[in-house]
Amino acid sequence: MKLEIKHLSCYLPYGLKILFWSGDSQQYIIELNSLNLKLNSILGSEKHKPILSPISELDNLIKKEFEKYDRVKECDMEIINLFCYENTNTDDSLVDLDLNKLPYECVEYMFKNHYDFFGLIPAGLAIDKTTLK
């Protein structure tokens, strides 16, 4: 698997962050959007990787929000409405699901919030946001 434009384009409207390594081993982060996009320098380079959150983080967030909802506490109703049983047709964790079968609104939420929909982190093509300082 290699990083392709199809893996990045869906994140761009939401300001995808990219970790760059310079020649002197320094790291810096830039935010890409459709206006300042320099995909040719990112695609095919091991020095530039998108920063994404793993699906397991979203799964944990969903569980926490549903726990709040069950206890009648203030919760994120967007997550409750998007990831309810009626939309996902399962009580399984997102990690175990075929994400392509989720409704578009759920997938769009993942793109908007920079979750690793395509499995780029395990493939070594993206940086896990939770590991950054």
C-alpha atoms as a PDB file:
ATOM      1  CA  MET A   1       0.000   0.000   0.000  1.00  0.00           C
ATOM      2  CA  LYS A   2       1.232   3.503  -0.768  1.00  0.00           C
ATOM      3  CA  LEU A   3      -0.124   6.898   0.120  1.00  0.00           C
ATOM      4  CA  GLU A   4      -2.330   8.226  -2.669  1.00  0.00           C
ATOM      5  CA  ILE A   5      -4.343  11.375  -3.283  1.00  0.00           C
ATOM      6  CA  LYS A   6      -7.571   9.414  -2.610  1.00  0.00           C
ATOM      7  CA  HIS A   7      -6.350   8.878   0.967  1.00  0.00           C
ATOM      8  CA  LEU A   8      -5.827  12.599   1.620  1.00  0.00           C
ATOM      9  CA  SER A   9      -8.401  14.451  -0.460  1.00  0.00           C
ATOM     10  CA  CYS A  10     -11.356  13.693   1.833  1.00  0.00           C
ATOM     11  CA  TYR A  11      -9.542  15.255   4.812  1.00  0.00           C
ATOM     12  CA  LEU A  12      -8.496  18.472   3.050  1.00  0.00           C
ATOM     13  CA  PRO A  13     -11.674  20.525   3.570  1.00  0.00           C
ATOM     14  CA  TYR A  14     -11.085  20.073   7.308  1.00  0.00           C
ATOM     15  CA  GLY A  15      -7.456  21.238   7.517  1.00  0.00           C
ATOM     16  CA  LEU A  16      -5.393  18.041   7.490  1.00  0.00           C
ATOM     17  CA  LYS A  17      -2.127  18.348   9.390  1.00  0.00           C
ATOM     18  CA  ILE A  18       1.069  16.879   7.968  1.00  0.00           C
ATOM     19  CA  LEU A  19       4.233  16.061   9.907  1.00  0.00           C
ATOM     20  CA  PHE A  20       7.367  17.022   7.953  1.00  0.00           C
ATOM     21  CA  TRP A  21      10.895  15.929   8.694  1.00  0.00           C
ATOM     22  CA  SER A  22      13.547  18.304   7.429  1.00  0.00           C
ATOM     23  CA  GLY A  23      17.033  17.273   6.367  1.00  0.00           C
ATOM     24  CA  ASP A  24      18.487  18.136   9.785  1.00  0.00           C
ATOM     25  CA  SER A  25      16.092  15.765  11.601  1.00  0.00           C
ATOM     26  CA  GLN A  26      13.809  18.545  12.815  1.00  0.00           C
ATOM     27  CA  GLN A  27      10.076  18.008  12.694  1.00  0.00           C
ATOM     28  CA  TYR A  28       7.373  20.517  11.991  1.00  0.00           C
ATOM     29  CA  ILE A  29       3.672  20.401  11.313  1.00  0.00           C
ATOM     30  CA  ILE A  30       1.801  22.238   8.581  1.00  0.00           C
ATOM     31  CA  GLU A  31      -1.914  22.314   7.932  1.00  0.00           C
ATOM     32  CA  LEU A  32      -3.031  21.498   4.427  1.00  0.00           C
ATOM     33  CA  ASN A  33      -6.167  22.672   2.794  1.00  0.00           C
ATOM     34  CA  SER A  34      -7.271  22.795  -0.807  1.00  0.00           C
ATOM     35  CA  LEU A  35      -5.646  26.236  -1.252  1.00  0.00           C
ATOM     36  CA  ASN A  36      -2.056  25.541  -0.185  1.00  0.00           C
ATOM     37  CA  LEU A  37      -1.917  21.899  -1.218  1.00  0.00           C
ATOM     38  CA  LYS A  38       1.459  20.501  -2.261  1.00  0.00           C
ATOM     39  CA  LEU A  39       0.542  16.868  -2.759  1.00  0.00           C
ATOM     40  CA  ASN A  40       3.432  16.043  -5.068  1.00  0.00           C
ATOM     41  CA  SER A  41       5.894  16.677  -2.246  1.00  0.00           C
ATOM     42  CA  ILE A  42       3.899  14.511   0.159  1.00  0.00           C
ATOM     43  CA  LEU A  43       2.889  11.527  -1.924  1.00  0.00           C
ATOM     44  CA  GLY A  44       5.611   8.940  -2.192  1.00  0.00           C
ATOM     45  CA  SER A  45       7.784  10.559   0.478  1.00  0.00           C
ATOM     46  CA  GLU A  46       8.628   8.876   3.735  1.00  0.00           C
ATOM     47  CA  LYS A  47       9.537  12.263   5.238  1.00  0.00           C
ATOM     48  CA  HIS A  48       5.993  13.654   5.108  1.00  0.00           C
ATOM     49  CA  LYS A  49       3.048  11.899   6.718  1.00  0.00           C
ATOM     50  CA  PRO A  50      -0.497  12.954   7.591  1.00  0.00           C
ATOM     51  CA  ILE A  51      -1.399  13.123  11.263  1.00  0.00           C
ATOM     52  CA  LEU A  52      -4.515  11.115  12.057  1.00  0.00           C
ATOM     53  CA  SER A  53      -6.231   9.607  15.060  1.00  0.00           C
ATOM     54  CA  PRO A  54      -6.726   5.836  15.137  1.00  0.00           C
ATOM     55  CA  ILE A  55     -10.231   4.422  14.830  1.00  0.00           C
ATOM     56  CA  SER A  56      -9.816   2.960  18.319  1.00  0.00           C
ATOM     57  CA  GLU A  57      -9.807   6.542  19.677  1.00  0.00           C
ATOM     58  CA  LEU A  58     -13.149   7.227  18.009  1.00  0.00           C
ATOM     59  CA  ASP A  59     -14.462   3.938  19.330  1.00  0.00           C
ATOM     60  CA  ASN A  60     -13.466   4.968  22.876  1.00  0.00           C
ATOM     61  CA  LEU A  61     -15.071   8.380  22.424  1.00  0.00           C
ATOM     62  CA  ILE A  62     -18.324   6.809  21.206  1.00  0.00           C
ATOM     63  CA  LYS A  63     -18.419   4.460  24.201  1.00  0.00           C
ATOM     64  CA  LYS A  64     -17.833   7.360  26.617  1.00  0.00           C
ATOM     65  CA  GLU A  65     -20.566   9.452  25.019  1.00  0.00           C
ATOM     66  CA  PHE A  66     -23.058   6.567  25.143  1.00  0.00           C
ATOM     67  CA  GLU A  67     -22.194   5.966  28.811  1.00  0.00           C
ATOM     68  CA  LYS A  68     -22.996   9.625  29.519  1.00  0.00           C
ATOM     69  CA  TYR A  69     -26.196   9.334  27.498  1.00  0.00           C
ATOM     70  CA  ASP A  70     -27.301   6.239  29.434  1.00  0.00           C
ATOM     71  CA  ARG A  71     -26.697   8.082  32.710  1.00  0.00           C
ATOM     72  CA  VAL A  72     -28.633  11.107  31.466  1.00  0.00           C
ATOM     73  CA  LYS A  73     -25.539  13.301  31.558  1.00  0.00           C
ATOM     74  CA  GLU A  74     -24.619  15.963  29.061  1.00  0.00           C
ATOM     75  CA  CYS A  75     -23.171  14.247  25.995  1.00  0.00           C
ATOM     76  CA  ASP A  76     -22.228  14.884  22.377  1.00  0.00           C
ATOM     77  CA  MET A  77     -25.532  14.334  20.598  1.00  0.00           C
ATOM     78  CA  GLU A  78     -23.862  14.403  17.186  1.00  0.00           C
ATOM     79  CA  ILE A  79     -21.940  11.249  18.104  1.00  0.00           C
ATOM     80  CA  ILE A  80     -25.020   9.656  19.689  1.00  0.00           C
ATOM     81  CA  ASN A  81     -27.134  10.298  16.595  1.00  0.00           C
ATOM     82  CA  LEU A  82     -24.461   9.279  14.091  1.00  0.00           C
ATOM     83  CA  PHE A  83     -23.215   6.103  15.734  1.00  0.00           C
ATOM     84  CA  CYS A  84     -26.433   4.734  17.199  1.00  0.00           C
ATOM     85  CA  TYR A  85     -27.485   1.174  16.473  1.00  0.00           C
ATOM     86  CA  GLU A  86     -30.002   2.348  13.861  1.00  0.00           C
ATOM     87  CA  ASN A  87     -27.176   3.804  11.740  1.00  0.00           C
ATOM     88  CA  THR A  88     -24.439   1.243  12.296  1.00  0.00           C
ATOM     89  CA  ASN A  89     -26.645  -1.884  12.617  1.00  0.00           C
ATOM     90  CA  THR A  90     -24.284  -3.307  15.204  1.00  0.00           C
ATOM     91  CA  ASP A  91     -23.143  -3.017  18.783  1.00  0.00           C
ATOM     92  CA  ASP A  92     -19.615  -4.064  17.774  1.00  0.00           C
ATOM     93  CA  SER A  93     -16.711  -1.670  18.073  1.00  0.00           C
ATOM     94  CA  LEU A  94     -15.707   0.335  15.027  1.00  0.00           C
ATOM     95  CA  VAL A  95     -12.341  -1.426  15.016  1.00  0.00           C
ATOM     96  CA  ASP A  96     -14.129  -4.672  14.115  1.00  0.00           C
ATOM     97  CA  LEU A  97     -16.435  -3.182  11.470  1.00  0.00           C
ATOM     98  CA  ASP A  98     -16.056  -2.756   7.732  1.00  0.00           C
ATOM     99  CA  LEU A  99     -16.044   1.044   7.782  1.00  0.00           C
ATOM    100  CA  ASN A 100     -17.143   1.163   4.139  1.00  0.00           C
ATOM    101  CA  LYS A 101     -20.561  -0.101   5.220  1.00  0.00           C
ATOM    102  CA  LEU A 102     -21.230   2.826   7.547  1.00  0.00           C
ATOM    103  CA  PRO A 103     -23.564   5.624   6.447  1.00  0.00           C
ATOM    104  CA  TYR A 104     -21.870   8.512   4.686  1.00  0.00           C
ATOM    105  CA  GLU A 105     -22.570  10.871   7.597  1.00  0.00           C
ATOM    106  CA  CYS A 106     -20.517   8.638   9.926  1.00  0.00           C
ATOM    107  CA  VAL A 107     -17.646   8.476   7.454  1.00  0.00           C
ATOM    108  CA  GLU A 108     -17.791  12.236   6.927  1.00  0.00           C
ATOM    109  CA  TYR A 109     -17.502  12.698  10.705  1.00  0.00           C
ATOM    110  CA  MET A 110     -14.339  10.572  10.610  1.00  0.00           C
ATOM    111  CA  PHE A 111     -12.838  12.704   7.851  1.00  0.00           C
ATOM    112  CA  LYS A 112     -13.846  15.954   9.536  1.00  0.00           C
ATOM    113  CA  ASN A 113     -12.216  14.874  12.785  1.00  0.00           C
ATOM    114  CA  HIS A 114      -9.183  13.252  11.136  1.00  0.00           C
ATOM    115  CA  TYR A 115      -9.758   9.620  12.053  1.00  0.00           C
ATOM    116  CA  ASP A 116      -7.776   7.022  10.106  1.00  0.00           C
ATOM    117  CA  PHE A 117     -10.536   5.664   7.860  1.00  0.00           C
ATOM    118  CA  PHE A 118      -8.143   4.029   5.362  1.00  0.00           C
ATOM    119  CA  GLY A 119      -5.840   2.245   7.840  1.00  0.00           C
ATOM    120  CA  LEU A 120      -2.855   4.456   7.022  1.00  0.00           C
ATOM    121  CA  ILE A 121      -1.406   4.353  10.550  1.00  0.00           C
ATOM    122  CA  PRO A 122      -0.889   0.567  10.708  1.00  0.00           C
ATOM    123  CA  ALA A 123       0.489   0.688   7.152  1.00  0.00           C
ATOM    124  CA  GLY A 124       3.121   3.205   8.293  1.00  0.00           C
ATOM    125  CA  LEU A 125       1.760   5.905   5.970  1.00  0.00           C
ATOM    126  CA  ALA A 126       0.398   8.224   8.689  1.00  0.00           C
ATOM    127  CA  ILE A 127       1.372   9.382  12.163  1.00  0.00           C
ATOM    128  CA  ASP A 128      -0.819   8.427  15.128  1.00  0.00           C
ATOM    129  CA  LYS A 129      -1.865  11.732  16.681  1.00  0.00           C
ATOM    130  CA  THR A 130      -1.955  10.154  20.132  1.00  0.00           C
ATOM    131  CA  THR A 131       1.791   9.469  19.981  1.00  0.00           C
ATOM    132  CA  LEU A 132       2.794  13.093  19.294  1.00  0.00           C
ATOM    133  CA  LYS A 133       3.989  15.301  22.134  1.00  0.00           C
END
